[in-house]
Amino acid sequence: MGKTLITSGTIVTAADTYKADVLVDGEKVAMIGKSLKVAGAKRIDATG
C-alpha cells in the first residue's frame, strides 16, 4: 500500500475540533497537520 493524503478534513479529539490534513502510510496514520505536502501520495479532498 502507498501513501494517501486526506486534505481539509475535520479532526475531532476529546478536547478540540479543527481542520487539518491526514497522511495515511499503508494502514497507519503517519501525520496530522495543516497544509501537508507529500510527493507521490494519492490525494483525497475531504472538504465535503
C-alpha atoms as a PDB file:
ATOM      1  CA  MET A   1       0.000   0.000   0.000  1.00  0.00           C
ATOM      2  CA  GLY A   2       1.146   3.521  -0.700  1.00  0.00           C
ATOM      3  CA  LYS A   3       0.642   6.853   0.937  1.00  0.00           C
ATOM      4  CA  THR A   4      -2.711   8.652   0.953  1.00  0.00           C
ATOM      5  CA  LEU A   5      -3.105  12.322   1.876  1.00  0.00           C
ATOM      6  CA  ILE A   6      -6.585  13.329   3.035  1.00  0.00           C
ATOM      7  CA  THR A   7      -6.833  17.117   2.822  1.00  0.00           C
ATOM      8  CA  SER A   8      -9.100  19.638   4.577  1.00  0.00           C
ATOM      9  CA  GLY A   9     -10.776  17.117   6.860  1.00  0.00           C
ATOM     10  CA  THR A  10     -12.290  17.790  10.256  1.00  0.00           C
ATOM     11  CA  ILE A  11     -10.241  16.346  13.117  1.00  0.00           C
ATOM     12  CA  VAL A  12     -12.161  15.659  16.338  1.00  0.00           C
ATOM     13  CA  THR A  13     -10.367  14.989  19.630  1.00  0.00           C
ATOM     14  CA  ALA A  14     -11.609  14.859  23.209  1.00  0.00           C
ATOM     15  CA  ALA A  15     -10.595  18.500  23.657  1.00  0.00           C
ATOM     16  CA  ASP A  16     -10.992  20.164  20.240  1.00  0.00           C
ATOM     17  CA  THR A  17     -12.301  20.148  16.673  1.00  0.00           C
ATOM     18  CA  TYR A  18     -10.224  21.619  13.830  1.00  0.00           C
ATOM     19  CA  LYS A  19      -9.488  21.410  10.083  1.00  0.00           C
ATOM     20  CA  ALA A  20      -6.315  19.567   9.073  1.00  0.00           C
ATOM     21  CA  ASP A  21      -4.743  17.104   6.648  1.00  0.00           C
ATOM     22  CA  VAL A  22      -4.094  13.446   7.481  1.00  0.00           C
ATOM     23  CA  LEU A  23      -1.329  11.366   5.920  1.00  0.00           C
ATOM     24  CA  VAL A  24      -2.001   7.620   5.899  1.00  0.00           C
ATOM     25  CA  ASP A  25       1.000   5.409   5.135  1.00  0.00           C
ATOM     26  CA  GLY A  26      -0.141   1.850   4.475  1.00  0.00           C
ATOM     27  CA  GLU A  27      -2.694   1.199   7.204  1.00  0.00           C
ATOM     28  CA  LYS A  28      -1.371   3.689   9.774  1.00  0.00           C
ATOM     29  CA  VAL A  29      -1.897   7.396  10.361  1.00  0.00           C
ATOM     30  CA  ALA A  30       1.592   8.810   9.837  1.00  0.00           C
ATOM     31  CA  MET A  31       0.995  12.535  10.318  1.00  0.00           C
ATOM     32  CA  ILE A  32      -1.697  15.119  11.066  1.00  0.00           C
ATOM     33  CA  GLY A  33      -1.077  18.772  10.206  1.00  0.00           C
ATOM     34  CA  LYS A  34      -2.086  21.786   8.175  1.00  0.00           C
ATOM     35  CA  SER A  35      -1.137  22.190   4.500  1.00  0.00           C
ATOM     36  CA  LEU A  36       0.868  18.945   4.342  1.00  0.00           C
ATOM     37  CA  LYS A  37       2.871  18.400   1.145  1.00  0.00           C
ATOM     38  CA  VAL A  38       3.720  14.779   0.311  1.00  0.00           C
ATOM     39  CA  ALA A  39       5.213  13.873  -3.061  1.00  0.00           C
ATOM     40  CA  GLY A  40       3.706  10.796  -4.700  1.00  0.00           C
ATOM     41  CA  ALA A  41       0.761  10.441  -2.310  1.00  0.00           C
ATOM     42  CA  LYS A  42      -2.766   9.807  -3.558  1.00  0.00           C
ATOM     43  CA  ARG A  43      -4.866  12.856  -2.589  1.00  0.00           C
ATOM     44  CA  ILE A  44      -8.424  12.785  -1.267  1.00  0.00           C
ATOM     45  CA  ASP A  45     -10.261  16.087  -0.729  1.00  0.00           C
ATOM     46  CA  ALA A  46     -12.402  15.879   2.423  1.00  0.00           C
ATOM     47  CA  THR A  47     -13.914  19.372   2.320  1.00  0.00           C
ATOM     48  CA  GLY A  48     -17.345  17.785   1.827  1.00  0.00           C
END
